[in-house]
Amino acid sequence: MSWIKLHRTIKDHWIWKDSEKLKWWIDLLILVNHKDNEKVLIGNKLFNCKRGETLKSLKTLSIRWMVSRDTVRCFLGLLKTDHMITTTNERVTTRITVCNYEDYQTLPHVNQTDNTQKPNGSQTLADTIKEGLKNDKKKEAFAKPSLAEIEICFKEGFKKKNAMNDAALESEAFFNHYESKDWFVGKGKMKKWRYSVGGWIVRMQKDGKLKLMVVA
């Protein structure tokens, strides 16, 4: 695959707080092999590189990231401590393996429960991603907006259209309309009411019901 998958919950991970380390981590995700059993020649030795692995020496990474070898060694140590990678010394190079690599390539089944206990009880970045996907599913449930929220949305919508319509009056009409339908749109429950407000304003415009401001 020519892409990697990052979930928005990476913002809750410690690596997000350091832009330089975040860049290095993403670079590692890009560097690791996305194919299985690829042959890599380093010097006069042939290595087998599996999916989710890369063969890079500390020197190579230090040149690539323009930092010292000690800085690279320290960074890789942090990743190992947090169970994000494992490393194996191959004499002329270092084999770096990204833990839970499939979580950065395929969508996990959010309905499955991971009962595997992580060493030292720590939560890996892959775990954070899975947790975020589960939370996203929960957030999909519709929450009925208040009349005040709808009015604010109409005010913003009318302002963008340069319209002088009464937002309070229109928001009440919107609320009563969908309240009578138990907040269903067609055959399905409404998911994003702000989009419905936008659609309502567009229909008003098409029907010539928007009171547009005259610009001199």
N, C-alpha and C. Protein backbone atom coordinates (compact mmCIF):
# COMPACT_ATOMS: atom_id res chain seq x y z
N MET A 1 0.83 -1.19 0.00
CA MET A 1 0.00 0.00 0.00
C MET A 1 0.88 1.25 0.00
N SER A 2 0.40 2.33 -0.64
CA SER A 2 1.18 3.54 -0.74
C SER A 2 0.75 4.57 0.30
N TRP A 3 0.06 4.15 1.34
CA TRP A 3 -0.41 5.08 2.36
C TRP A 3 -0.29 4.43 3.73
N ILE A 4 -0.35 5.28 4.76
CA ILE A 4 -0.43 4.79 6.14
C ILE A 4 -1.66 5.43 6.77
N LYS A 5 -2.20 4.80 7.78
CA LYS A 5 -3.41 5.28 8.43
C LYS A 5 -3.08 5.80 9.82
N LEU A 6 -3.46 7.05 10.08
CA LEU A 6 -3.30 7.63 11.41
C LEU A 6 -4.65 8.12 11.89
N HIS A 7 -5.00 7.73 13.10
CA HIS A 7 -6.27 8.18 13.66
C HIS A 7 -6.07 9.49 14.41
N ARG A 8 -7.13 10.30 14.50
CA ARG A 8 -7.02 11.61 15.15
C ARG A 8 -6.62 11.50 16.62
N THR A 9 -6.82 10.33 17.23
CA THR A 9 -6.46 10.17 18.64
C THR A 9 -4.96 10.16 18.87
N ILE A 10 -4.19 10.23 17.80
CA ILE A 10 -2.74 10.37 17.97
C ILE A 10 -2.43 11.66 18.73
N LYS A 11 -3.38 12.61 18.70
CA LYS A 11 -3.19 13.87 19.41
C LYS A 11 -3.17 13.67 20.93
N ASP A 12 -3.70 12.53 21.39
CA ASP A 12 -3.70 12.23 22.83
C ASP A 12 -2.44 11.48 23.26
N HIS A 13 -1.60 11.14 22.30
CA HIS A 13 -0.40 10.36 22.59
C HIS A 13 0.77 11.30 22.89
N TRP A 14 1.70 10.84 23.72
CA TRP A 14 2.83 11.69 24.11
C TRP A 14 3.66 12.17 22.92
N ILE A 15 3.72 11.38 21.85
CA ILE A 15 4.58 11.74 20.72
C ILE A 15 4.07 12.97 19.98
N TRP A 16 2.77 13.26 20.11
CA TRP A 16 2.18 14.41 19.43
C TRP A 16 2.75 15.72 19.98
N LYS A 17 3.14 15.69 21.25
CA LYS A 17 3.61 16.92 21.91
C LYS A 17 5.01 17.32 21.47
N ASP A 18 5.71 16.47 20.75
CA ASP A 18 7.06 16.78 20.26
C ASP A 18 7.05 16.65 18.74
N SER A 19 7.00 17.78 18.05
CA SER A 19 6.85 17.76 16.59
C SER A 19 7.98 17.03 15.89
N GLU A 20 9.19 17.12 16.45
CA GLU A 20 10.33 16.46 15.81
C GLU A 20 10.21 14.94 15.93
N LYS A 21 9.89 14.47 17.13
CA LYS A 21 9.73 13.02 17.33
C LYS A 21 8.54 12.50 16.56
N LEU A 22 7.48 13.30 16.45
CA LEU A 22 6.31 12.90 15.67
C LEU A 22 6.71 12.70 14.21
N LYS A 23 7.53 13.61 13.68
CA LYS A 23 8.00 13.51 12.29
C LYS A 23 8.82 12.24 12.09
N TRP A 24 9.69 11.93 13.05
CA TRP A 24 10.51 10.73 12.94
C TRP A 24 9.65 9.48 12.99
N TRP A 25 8.64 9.48 13.86
CA TRP A 25 7.76 8.31 13.97
C TRP A 25 6.99 8.06 12.67
N ILE A 26 6.45 9.13 12.11
CA ILE A 26 5.72 8.99 10.84
C ILE A 26 6.67 8.52 9.74
N ASP A 27 7.90 9.03 9.77
CA ASP A 27 8.89 8.61 8.79
C ASP A 27 9.18 7.12 8.91
N LEU A 28 9.26 6.61 10.14
CA LEU A 28 9.47 5.17 10.33
C LEU A 28 8.30 4.35 9.77
N LEU A 29 7.09 4.85 9.99
CA LEU A 29 5.91 4.15 9.46
C LEU A 29 5.94 4.10 7.93
N ILE A 30 6.50 5.15 7.33
CA ILE A 30 6.63 5.18 5.87
C ILE A 30 7.76 4.29 5.40
N LEU A 31 8.84 4.25 6.19
CA LEU A 31 10.03 3.48 5.80
C LEU A 31 9.83 1.97 5.86
N VAL A 32 9.03 1.50 6.83
CA VAL A 32 8.90 0.05 6.98
C VAL A 32 8.26 -0.58 5.75
N ASN A 33 8.61 -1.81 5.51
CA ASN A 33 8.14 -2.53 4.33
C ASN A 33 6.66 -2.85 4.43
N HIS A 34 5.89 -2.51 3.38
CA HIS A 34 4.46 -2.86 3.39
C HIS A 34 4.21 -4.17 2.64
N LYS A 35 5.28 -4.74 2.04
CA LYS A 35 5.18 -6.04 1.40
C LYS A 35 5.83 -7.08 2.30
N ASP A 36 5.57 -8.33 2.04
CA ASP A 36 6.14 -9.38 2.88
C ASP A 36 7.31 -10.06 2.18
N ASN A 37 8.33 -10.37 2.98
CA ASN A 37 9.50 -11.12 2.51
C ASN A 37 10.21 -10.47 1.32
N GLU A 38 10.54 -9.21 1.47
CA GLU A 38 11.31 -8.52 0.43
C GLU A 38 12.80 -8.70 0.70
N LYS A 39 13.57 -8.92 -0.33
CA LYS A 39 15.01 -9.11 -0.19
C LYS A 39 15.71 -7.74 -0.24
N VAL A 40 16.59 -7.52 0.75
CA VAL A 40 17.32 -6.25 0.83
C VAL A 40 18.81 -6.54 0.88
N LEU A 41 19.56 -5.94 -0.03
CA LEU A 41 21.01 -6.13 -0.08
C LEU A 41 21.71 -4.97 0.62
N ILE A 42 22.49 -5.30 1.65
CA ILE A 42 23.28 -4.29 2.36
C ILE A 42 24.73 -4.77 2.35
N GLY A 43 25.58 -4.04 1.65
CA GLY A 43 26.96 -4.48 1.47
C GLY A 43 26.97 -5.75 0.64
N ASN A 44 27.54 -6.81 1.18
CA ASN A 44 27.57 -8.10 0.50
C ASN A 44 26.65 -9.12 1.17
N LYS A 45 25.72 -8.61 1.98
CA LYS A 45 24.83 -9.52 2.70
C LYS A 45 23.38 -9.27 2.31
N LEU A 46 22.66 -10.37 2.09
CA LEU A 46 21.25 -10.29 1.69
C LEU A 46 20.36 -10.56 2.90
N PHE A 47 19.41 -9.65 3.13
CA PHE A 47 18.51 -9.77 4.27
C PHE A 47 17.07 -9.98 3.78
N ASN A 48 16.30 -10.70 4.58
CA ASN A 48 14.88 -10.87 4.31
C ASN A 48 14.12 -9.87 5.19
N CYS A 49 13.40 -8.96 4.56
CA CYS A 49 12.68 -7.91 5.28
C CYS A 49 11.17 -8.18 5.20
N LYS A 50 10.57 -8.43 6.34
CA LYS A 50 9.15 -8.77 6.38
C LYS A 50 8.28 -7.50 6.41
N ARG A 51 7.00 -7.71 6.27
CA ARG A 51 6.03 -6.61 6.35
C ARG A 51 6.10 -5.97 7.74
N GLY A 52 6.15 -4.63 7.76
CA GLY A 52 6.22 -3.92 9.04
C GLY A 52 7.64 -3.77 9.56
N GLU A 53 8.64 -4.18 8.76
CA GLU A 53 10.04 -4.06 9.18
C GLU A 53 10.81 -3.13 8.24
N THR A 54 11.90 -2.58 8.76
CA THR A 54 12.85 -1.85 7.93
C THR A 54 14.25 -2.14 8.44
N LEU A 55 15.20 -2.09 7.55
CA LEU A 55 16.61 -2.32 7.91
C LEU A 55 17.35 -1.00 7.75
N LYS A 56 17.60 -0.35 8.87
CA LYS A 56 18.26 0.95 8.84
C LYS A 56 19.23 1.04 10.02
N SER A 57 20.45 1.42 9.75
CA SER A 57 21.44 1.59 10.82
C SER A 57 21.22 2.93 11.52
N LEU A 58 21.80 3.06 12.71
CA LEU A 58 21.72 4.34 13.43
C LEU A 58 22.34 5.46 12.61
N LYS A 59 23.43 5.13 11.89
CA LYS A 59 24.09 6.12 11.05
C LYS A 59 23.16 6.61 9.94
N THR A 60 22.49 5.65 9.29
CA THR A 60 21.57 6.01 8.19
C THR A 60 20.46 6.92 8.69
N LEU A 61 19.87 6.59 9.84
CA LEU A 61 18.77 7.40 10.38
C LEU A 61 19.28 8.75 10.87
N SER A 62 20.48 8.78 11.42
CA SER A 62 21.02 10.06 11.90
C SER A 62 21.27 11.02 10.74
N ILE A 63 21.71 10.49 9.61
CA ILE A 63 21.91 11.32 8.41
C ILE A 63 20.55 11.76 7.85
N ARG A 64 19.62 10.84 7.83
CA ARG A 64 18.29 11.13 7.28
C ARG A 64 17.57 12.20 8.10
N TRP A 65 17.69 12.12 9.43
CA TRP A 65 17.00 13.05 10.31
C TRP A 65 17.87 14.23 10.73
N MET A 66 19.15 14.20 10.31
CA MET A 66 20.09 15.28 10.61
C MET A 66 20.27 15.51 12.10
N VAL A 67 20.46 14.40 12.82
CA VAL A 67 20.72 14.45 14.26
C VAL A 67 21.86 13.47 14.56
N SER A 68 22.30 13.44 15.80
CA SER A 68 23.39 12.54 16.18
C SER A 68 22.88 11.10 16.34
N ARG A 69 23.81 10.15 16.32
CA ARG A 69 23.44 8.75 16.52
C ARG A 69 22.87 8.53 17.91
N ASP A 70 23.40 9.24 18.89
CA ASP A 70 22.89 9.11 20.26
C ASP A 70 21.43 9.56 20.34
N THR A 71 21.09 10.60 19.59
CA THR A 71 19.70 11.07 19.57
C THR A 71 18.79 10.02 18.96
N VAL A 72 19.25 9.39 17.87
CA VAL A 72 18.47 8.32 17.24
C VAL A 72 18.33 7.14 18.20
N ARG A 73 19.42 6.77 18.84
CA ARG A 73 19.40 5.64 19.79
C ARG A 73 18.42 5.91 20.93
N CYS A 74 18.42 7.12 21.44
CA CYS A 74 17.52 7.51 22.52
C CYS A 74 16.06 7.46 22.07
N PHE A 75 15.80 7.95 20.85
CA PHE A 75 14.43 7.97 20.32
C PHE A 75 13.91 6.54 20.13
N LEU A 76 14.73 5.68 19.53
CA LEU A 76 14.32 4.30 19.34
C LEU A 76 14.08 3.61 20.68
N GLY A 77 14.87 4.01 21.69
CA GLY A 77 14.68 3.46 23.03
C GLY A 77 13.34 3.85 23.61
N LEU A 78 12.91 5.09 23.37
CA LEU A 78 11.60 5.54 23.82
C LEU A 78 10.48 4.72 23.18
N LEU A 79 10.61 4.50 21.87
CA LEU A 79 9.60 3.73 21.15
C LEU A 79 9.53 2.30 21.65
N LYS A 80 10.68 1.73 21.97
CA LYS A 80 10.73 0.36 22.49
C LYS A 80 10.09 0.29 23.88
N THR A 81 10.36 1.29 24.70
CA THR A 81 9.78 1.33 26.05
C THR A 81 8.26 1.39 26.00
N ASP A 82 7.75 2.11 25.01
CA ASP A 82 6.29 2.24 24.88
C ASP A 82 5.70 1.16 23.98
N HIS A 83 6.49 0.14 23.66
CA HIS A 83 6.02 -1.01 22.88
C HIS A 83 5.48 -0.61 21.51
N MET A 84 6.12 0.40 20.91
CA MET A 84 5.75 0.83 19.57
C MET A 84 6.61 0.16 18.51
N ILE A 85 7.83 -0.23 18.90
CA ILE A 85 8.72 -0.94 17.98
C ILE A 85 9.53 -1.97 18.76
N THR A 86 10.16 -2.89 18.02
CA THR A 86 11.21 -3.74 18.56
C THR A 86 12.41 -3.60 17.63
N THR A 87 13.60 -3.84 18.16
CA THR A 87 14.80 -3.75 17.33
C THR A 87 15.66 -4.99 17.50
N THR A 88 16.35 -5.35 16.42
CA THR A 88 17.28 -6.48 16.44
C THR A 88 18.57 -6.05 15.77
N ASN A 89 19.68 -6.28 16.44
CA ASN A 89 20.98 -5.91 15.90
C ASN A 89 21.40 -6.93 14.84
N GLU A 90 21.62 -6.47 13.60
CA GLU A 90 22.02 -7.35 12.50
C GLU A 90 23.47 -7.09 12.07
N ARG A 91 24.30 -6.64 13.01
CA ARG A 91 25.71 -6.32 12.78
C ARG A 91 25.89 -5.10 11.88
N VAL A 92 25.60 -5.24 10.60
CA VAL A 92 25.83 -4.11 9.68
C VAL A 92 24.65 -3.15 9.64
N THR A 93 23.54 -3.52 10.29
CA THR A 93 22.35 -2.69 10.28
C THR A 93 21.49 -3.02 11.49
N THR A 94 20.36 -2.36 11.60
CA THR A 94 19.41 -2.64 12.68
C THR A 94 18.05 -2.95 12.07
N ARG A 95 17.47 -4.06 12.52
CA ARG A 95 16.13 -4.42 12.05
C ARG A 95 15.12 -3.76 13.00
N ILE A 96 14.32 -2.89 12.44
CA ILE A 96 13.29 -2.18 13.22
C ILE A 96 11.93 -2.72 12.82
N THR A 97 11.18 -3.19 13.79
CA THR A 97 9.85 -3.76 13.54
C THR A 97 8.80 -2.91 14.24
N VAL A 98 7.82 -2.43 13.49
CA VAL A 98 6.73 -1.65 14.07
C VAL A 98 5.71 -2.62 14.67
N CYS A 99 5.43 -2.43 15.95
CA CYS A 99 4.44 -3.29 16.62
C CYS A 99 3.03 -2.96 16.11
N ASN A 100 2.22 -3.98 15.99
CA ASN A 100 0.83 -3.79 15.54
C ASN A 100 0.75 -3.02 14.22
N TYR A 101 1.64 -3.38 13.29
CA TYR A 101 1.73 -2.63 12.03
C TYR A 101 0.41 -2.61 11.26
N GLU A 102 -0.36 -3.68 11.36
CA GLU A 102 -1.62 -3.75 10.61
C GLU A 102 -2.59 -2.64 11.01
N ASP A 103 -2.44 -2.13 12.24
CA ASP A 103 -3.33 -1.04 12.67
C ASP A 103 -3.07 0.25 11.92
N TYR A 104 -1.93 0.33 11.23
CA TYR A 104 -1.61 1.52 10.44
C TYR A 104 -1.88 1.29 8.94
N GLN A 105 -2.42 0.11 8.61
CA GLN A 105 -2.68 -0.21 7.21
C GLN A 105 -4.12 -0.63 6.95
N THR A 106 -4.74 -1.25 7.93
CA THR A 106 -6.12 -1.71 7.74
C THR A 106 -6.98 -1.24 8.89
N LEU A 107 -8.28 -1.12 8.64
CA LEU A 107 -9.20 -0.72 9.70
C LEU A 107 -9.43 -1.88 10.64
N PRO A 108 -9.24 -1.67 11.96
CA PRO A 108 -9.50 -2.76 12.91
C PRO A 108 -10.99 -2.97 13.07
N HIS A 109 -11.41 -4.15 13.51
CA HIS A 109 -12.82 -4.43 13.77
C HIS A 109 -13.14 -3.87 15.14
N VAL A 110 -13.85 -2.75 15.12
CA VAL A 110 -14.09 -2.04 16.38
C VAL A 110 -15.01 -2.80 17.32
N ASN A 111 -15.74 -3.81 16.82
CA ASN A 111 -16.64 -4.55 17.70
C ASN A 111 -15.94 -5.67 18.43
N GLN A 112 -14.66 -5.85 18.14
CA GLN A 112 -13.91 -6.88 18.83
C GLN A 112 -13.25 -6.29 20.06
N THR A 113 -13.19 -7.06 21.13
CA THR A 113 -12.59 -6.60 22.37
C THR A 113 -11.20 -7.18 22.51
N ASP A 114 -10.24 -6.30 22.74
CA ASP A 114 -8.87 -6.74 22.92
C ASP A 114 -8.62 -6.96 24.39
N ASN A 115 -8.52 -8.22 24.80
CA ASN A 115 -8.32 -8.55 26.20
C ASN A 115 -6.85 -8.80 26.52
N THR A 116 -5.98 -8.54 25.55
CA THR A 116 -4.55 -8.79 25.77
C THR A 116 -3.98 -7.73 26.68
N GLN A 117 -3.37 -8.15 27.76
CA GLN A 117 -2.78 -7.20 28.69
C GLN A 117 -1.41 -6.79 28.20
N LYS A 118 -1.20 -5.47 28.12
CA LYS A 118 0.07 -4.96 27.63
C LYS A 118 1.10 -4.98 28.76
N PRO A 119 2.37 -5.18 28.45
CA PRO A 119 3.42 -5.16 29.47
C PRO A 119 3.39 -3.85 30.24
N ASN A 120 3.54 -3.95 31.57
CA ASN A 120 3.55 -2.80 32.47
C ASN A 120 2.25 -2.02 32.44
N GLY A 121 1.20 -2.59 31.82
CA GLY A 121 -0.10 -1.92 31.78
C GLY A 121 -0.12 -0.69 30.90
N SER A 122 0.88 -0.49 30.06
CA SER A 122 0.95 0.72 29.24
C SER A 122 0.07 0.59 28.01
N GLN A 123 -0.37 1.74 27.49
CA GLN A 123 -1.22 1.76 26.32
C GLN A 123 -0.40 2.19 25.12
N THR A 124 -0.33 1.35 24.09
CA THR A 124 0.44 1.70 22.90
C THR A 124 -0.36 2.62 22.02
N LEU A 125 0.32 3.21 21.02
CA LEU A 125 -0.36 4.10 20.08
C LEU A 125 -1.43 3.34 19.32
N ALA A 126 -1.18 2.09 18.98
CA ALA A 126 -2.18 1.29 18.27
C ALA A 126 -3.43 1.10 19.13
N ASP A 127 -3.23 0.91 20.44
CA ASP A 127 -4.37 0.78 21.35
C ASP A 127 -5.17 2.07 21.38
N THR A 128 -4.46 3.20 21.38
CA THR A 128 -5.12 4.50 21.39
C THR A 128 -5.98 4.69 20.15
N ILE A 129 -5.48 4.22 19.00
CA ILE A 129 -6.22 4.31 17.75
C ILE A 129 -7.49 3.47 17.82
N LYS A 130 -7.38 2.23 18.31
CA LYS A 130 -8.54 1.35 18.43
C LYS A 130 -9.59 1.97 19.34
N GLU A 131 -9.12 2.54 20.46
CA GLU A 131 -10.03 3.15 21.41
C GLU A 131 -10.76 4.33 20.79
N GLY A 132 -10.02 5.10 19.97
CA GLY A 132 -10.63 6.25 19.30
C GLY A 132 -11.70 5.83 18.30
N LEU A 133 -11.46 4.72 17.59
CA LEU A 133 -12.45 4.22 16.64
C LEU A 133 -13.73 3.78 17.36
N LYS A 134 -13.56 3.18 18.53
CA LYS A 134 -14.73 2.77 19.31
C LYS A 134 -15.52 3.99 19.77
N ASN A 135 -14.78 5.02 20.22
CA ASN A 135 -15.44 6.25 20.66
C ASN A 135 -16.17 6.93 19.53
N ASP A 136 -15.58 6.88 18.32
CA ASP A 136 -16.24 7.47 17.15
C ASP A 136 -17.58 6.82 16.88
N LYS A 137 -17.65 5.50 17.06
CA LYS A 137 -18.90 4.79 16.86
C LYS A 137 -19.95 5.29 17.84
N LYS A 138 -19.53 5.52 19.10
CA LYS A 138 -20.46 5.98 20.12
C LYS A 138 -20.95 7.38 19.81
N LYS A 139 -20.04 8.21 19.22
CA LYS A 139 -20.39 9.60 18.93
C LYS A 139 -21.39 9.72 17.78
N GLU A 140 -21.58 8.64 17.02
CA GLU A 140 -22.49 8.70 15.89
C GLU A 140 -23.94 8.81 16.32
N ALA A 141 -24.25 8.47 17.59
CA ALA A 141 -25.62 8.55 18.07
C ALA A 141 -26.08 10.01 18.05
N PHE A 142 -27.31 10.25 17.55
CA PHE A 142 -27.83 11.61 17.39
C PHE A 142 -28.23 12.21 18.74
N ALA A 143 -27.83 13.47 18.96
CA ALA A 143 -28.23 14.21 20.16
C ALA A 143 -29.07 15.39 19.70
N LYS A 144 -30.31 15.44 20.15
CA LYS A 144 -31.22 16.50 19.71
C LYS A 144 -30.70 17.87 20.16
N PRO A 145 -30.62 18.83 19.23
CA PRO A 145 -30.11 20.16 19.58
C PRO A 145 -31.17 20.98 20.31
N SER A 146 -30.70 21.97 21.05
CA SER A 146 -31.62 22.88 21.71
C SER A 146 -32.04 23.97 20.72
N LEU A 147 -33.11 24.66 21.05
CA LEU A 147 -33.59 25.74 20.18
C LEU A 147 -32.53 26.84 20.07
N ALA A 148 -31.82 27.09 21.16
CA ALA A 148 -30.78 28.12 21.15
C ALA A 148 -29.64 27.74 20.21
N GLU A 149 -29.24 26.46 20.20
CA GLU A 149 -28.17 26.00 19.31
C GLU A 149 -28.58 26.15 17.86
N ILE A 150 -29.83 25.82 17.58
CA ILE A 150 -30.33 25.93 16.20
C ILE A 150 -30.36 27.39 15.76
N GLU A 151 -30.77 28.27 16.67
CA GLU A 151 -30.84 29.69 16.33
C GLU A 151 -29.45 30.24 15.99
N ILE A 152 -28.45 29.86 16.76
CA ILE A 152 -27.07 30.30 16.49
C ILE A 152 -26.63 29.83 15.12
N CYS A 153 -26.98 28.58 14.78
CA CYS A 153 -26.61 28.01 13.48
C CYS A 153 -27.28 28.77 12.34
N PHE A 154 -28.55 29.13 12.54
CA PHE A 154 -29.27 29.89 11.51
C PHE A 154 -28.67 31.29 11.35
N LYS A 155 -28.29 31.91 12.47
CA LYS A 155 -27.69 33.24 12.40
C LYS A 155 -26.41 33.22 11.58
N GLU A 156 -25.58 32.18 11.82
CA GLU A 156 -24.33 32.03 11.07
C GLU A 156 -24.61 31.78 9.60
N GLY A 157 -25.62 30.93 9.32
CA GLY A 157 -25.98 30.61 7.94
C GLY A 157 -26.52 31.82 7.18
N PHE A 158 -27.37 32.61 7.84
CA PHE A 158 -27.92 33.81 7.20
C PHE A 158 -26.81 34.84 6.96
N LYS A 159 -25.88 34.92 7.89
CA LYS A 159 -24.78 35.88 7.75
C LYS A 159 -23.93 35.56 6.53
N LYS A 160 -23.66 34.26 6.31
CA LYS A 160 -22.87 33.84 5.15
C LYS A 160 -23.59 34.15 3.84
N LYS A 161 -24.92 34.12 3.89
CA LYS A 161 -25.72 34.39 2.68
C LYS A 161 -26.08 35.87 2.54
N ASN A 162 -25.62 36.71 3.51
CA ASN A 162 -25.97 38.13 3.52
C ASN A 162 -27.48 38.31 3.56
N ALA A 163 -28.14 37.47 4.39
CA ALA A 163 -29.59 37.50 4.51
C ALA A 163 -30.00 38.13 5.84
N MET A 164 -31.18 38.80 5.83
CA MET A 164 -31.67 39.49 7.02
C MET A 164 -32.85 38.76 7.65
N ASN A 165 -33.03 37.50 7.36
CA ASN A 165 -34.16 36.74 7.90
C ASN A 165 -34.05 36.62 9.42
N ASP A 166 -35.21 36.43 10.04
CA ASP A 166 -35.29 36.28 11.50
C ASP A 166 -34.83 34.88 11.89
N ALA A 167 -33.65 34.77 12.48
CA ALA A 167 -33.08 33.47 12.84
C ALA A 167 -33.91 32.78 13.92
N ALA A 168 -34.45 33.56 14.86
CA ALA A 168 -35.25 32.99 15.95
C ALA A 168 -36.52 32.36 15.39
N LEU A 169 -37.17 33.06 14.46
CA LEU A 169 -38.41 32.55 13.87
C LEU A 169 -38.15 31.30 13.04
N GLU A 170 -37.07 31.31 12.25
CA GLU A 170 -36.77 30.19 11.37
C GLU A 170 -36.30 28.97 12.16
N SER A 171 -35.54 29.22 13.23
CA SER A 171 -35.07 28.10 14.05
C SER A 171 -36.23 27.40 14.75
N GLU A 172 -37.23 28.18 15.13
CA GLU A 172 -38.42 27.59 15.77
C GLU A 172 -39.19 26.73 14.76
N ALA A 173 -39.28 27.22 13.51
CA ALA A 173 -39.96 26.45 12.47
C ALA A 173 -39.20 25.15 12.19
N PHE A 174 -37.88 25.24 12.15
CA PHE A 174 -37.02 24.06 11.93
C PHE A 174 -37.21 23.05 13.05
N PHE A 175 -37.16 23.55 14.29
CA PHE A 175 -37.29 22.67 15.46
C PHE A 175 -38.64 21.96 15.45
N ASN A 176 -39.70 22.71 15.25
CA ASN A 176 -41.03 22.12 15.28
C ASN A 176 -41.24 21.11 14.15
N HIS A 177 -40.65 21.41 12.99
CA HIS A 177 -40.78 20.51 11.84
C HIS A 177 -40.17 19.14 12.13
N TYR A 178 -38.93 19.14 12.62
CA TYR A 178 -38.26 17.87 12.85
C TYR A 178 -38.68 17.20 14.16
N GLU A 179 -39.15 18.02 15.10
CA GLU A 179 -39.68 17.43 16.35
C GLU A 179 -40.92 16.60 16.04
N SER A 180 -41.73 17.09 15.10
CA SER A 180 -42.94 16.36 14.71
C SER A 180 -42.61 15.06 13.98
N LYS A 181 -41.41 14.98 13.42
CA LYS A 181 -40.98 13.79 12.69
C LYS A 181 -40.04 12.92 13.53
N ASP A 182 -39.95 13.25 14.84
CA ASP A 182 -39.06 12.52 15.75
C ASP A 182 -37.61 12.57 15.25
N TRP A 183 -37.28 13.67 14.56
CA TRP A 183 -35.94 13.94 14.05
C TRP A 183 -35.48 12.89 13.04
N PHE A 184 -36.42 12.45 12.23
CA PHE A 184 -36.10 11.55 11.12
C PHE A 184 -35.96 12.37 9.85
N VAL A 185 -35.00 11.97 9.01
CA VAL A 185 -34.84 12.54 7.68
C VAL A 185 -35.06 11.40 6.70
N GLY A 186 -36.18 11.43 6.02
CA GLY A 186 -36.54 10.29 5.19
C GLY A 186 -36.86 9.09 6.08
N LYS A 187 -36.15 8.00 5.86
CA LYS A 187 -36.39 6.78 6.64
C LYS A 187 -35.39 6.60 7.78
N GLY A 188 -34.40 7.49 7.84
CA GLY A 188 -33.36 7.33 8.86
C GLY A 188 -33.32 8.48 9.84
N LYS A 189 -32.78 8.20 11.02
CA LYS A 189 -32.65 9.21 12.06
C LYS A 189 -31.59 10.25 11.63
N MET A 190 -31.88 11.51 11.91
CA MET A 190 -30.93 12.57 11.59
C MET A 190 -29.61 12.33 12.32
N LYS A 191 -28.49 12.57 11.62
CA LYS A 191 -27.17 12.38 12.23
C LYS A 191 -26.47 13.70 12.52
N LYS A 192 -26.53 14.64 11.55
CA LYS A 192 -25.83 15.91 11.71
C LYS A 192 -26.81 17.05 11.44
N TRP A 193 -27.39 17.56 12.52
CA TRP A 193 -28.46 18.55 12.38
C TRP A 193 -27.97 19.87 11.76
N ARG A 194 -26.69 20.20 11.94
CA ARG A 194 -26.17 21.45 11.36
C ARG A 194 -26.21 21.40 9.83
N TYR A 195 -25.95 20.21 9.27
CA TYR A 195 -26.06 20.05 7.82
C TYR A 195 -27.51 20.23 7.37
N SER A 196 -28.43 19.78 8.21
CA SER A 196 -29.85 19.93 7.89
C SER A 196 -30.25 21.39 7.91
N VAL A 197 -29.69 22.16 8.83
CA VAL A 197 -29.94 23.61 8.86
C VAL A 197 -29.41 24.24 7.58
N GLY A 198 -28.21 23.83 7.16
CA GLY A 198 -27.65 24.34 5.91
C GLY A 198 -28.53 24.03 4.72
N GLY A 199 -29.06 22.81 4.68
CA GLY A 199 -29.97 22.41 3.60
C GLY A 199 -31.26 23.22 3.63
N TRP A 200 -31.73 23.50 4.84
CA TRP A 200 -32.96 24.29 5.02
C TRP A 200 -32.78 25.69 4.42
N ILE A 201 -31.60 26.30 4.70
CA ILE A 201 -31.31 27.65 4.19
C ILE A 201 -31.17 27.65 2.67
N VAL A 202 -30.55 26.59 2.14
CA VAL A 202 -30.41 26.48 0.68
C VAL A 202 -31.78 26.40 0.01
N ARG A 203 -32.68 25.63 0.62
CA ARG A 203 -34.05 25.53 0.06
C ARG A 203 -34.78 26.87 0.15
N MET A 204 -34.53 27.60 1.22
CA MET A 204 -35.14 28.94 1.34
C MET A 204 -34.65 29.84 0.21
N GLN A 205 -33.36 29.72 -0.11
CA GLN A 205 -32.79 30.53 -1.18
C GLN A 205 -33.39 30.17 -2.53
N LYS A 206 -33.54 28.87 -2.77
CA LYS A 206 -34.13 28.41 -4.03
C LYS A 206 -35.58 28.87 -4.17
N ASP A 207 -36.29 28.91 -3.03
CA ASP A 207 -37.70 29.31 -3.06
C ASP A 207 -37.88 30.82 -2.98
N GLY A 208 -36.75 31.56 -2.97
CA GLY A 208 -36.83 33.02 -2.94
C GLY A 208 -37.28 33.58 -1.61
N LYS A 209 -37.03 32.86 -0.53
CA LYS A 209 -37.49 33.28 0.80
C LYS A 209 -36.40 34.00 1.60
N LEU A 210 -35.19 34.09 1.06
CA LEU A 210 -34.12 34.80 1.76
C LEU A 210 -34.23 36.29 1.49
N LYS A 211 -34.17 37.06 2.58
CA LYS A 211 -34.23 38.52 2.46
C LYS A 211 -32.80 39.05 2.39
N LEU A 212 -32.29 39.14 1.19
CA LEU A 212 -30.89 39.51 0.98
C LEU A 212 -30.67 41.01 1.19
N MET A 213 -29.52 41.33 1.82
CA MET A 213 -29.16 42.73 2.04
C MET A 213 -28.74 43.36 0.72
N VAL A 214 -29.16 44.58 0.50
CA VAL A 214 -28.81 45.31 -0.71
C VAL A 214 -27.53 46.08 -0.46
N VAL A 215 -26.50 45.76 -1.24
CA VAL A 215 -25.22 46.45 -1.08
C VAL A 215 -25.17 47.61 -2.07
N ALA A 216 -24.98 48.82 -1.55
CA ALA A 216 -24.97 50.01 -2.42
C ALA A 216 -23.67 50.08 -3.20
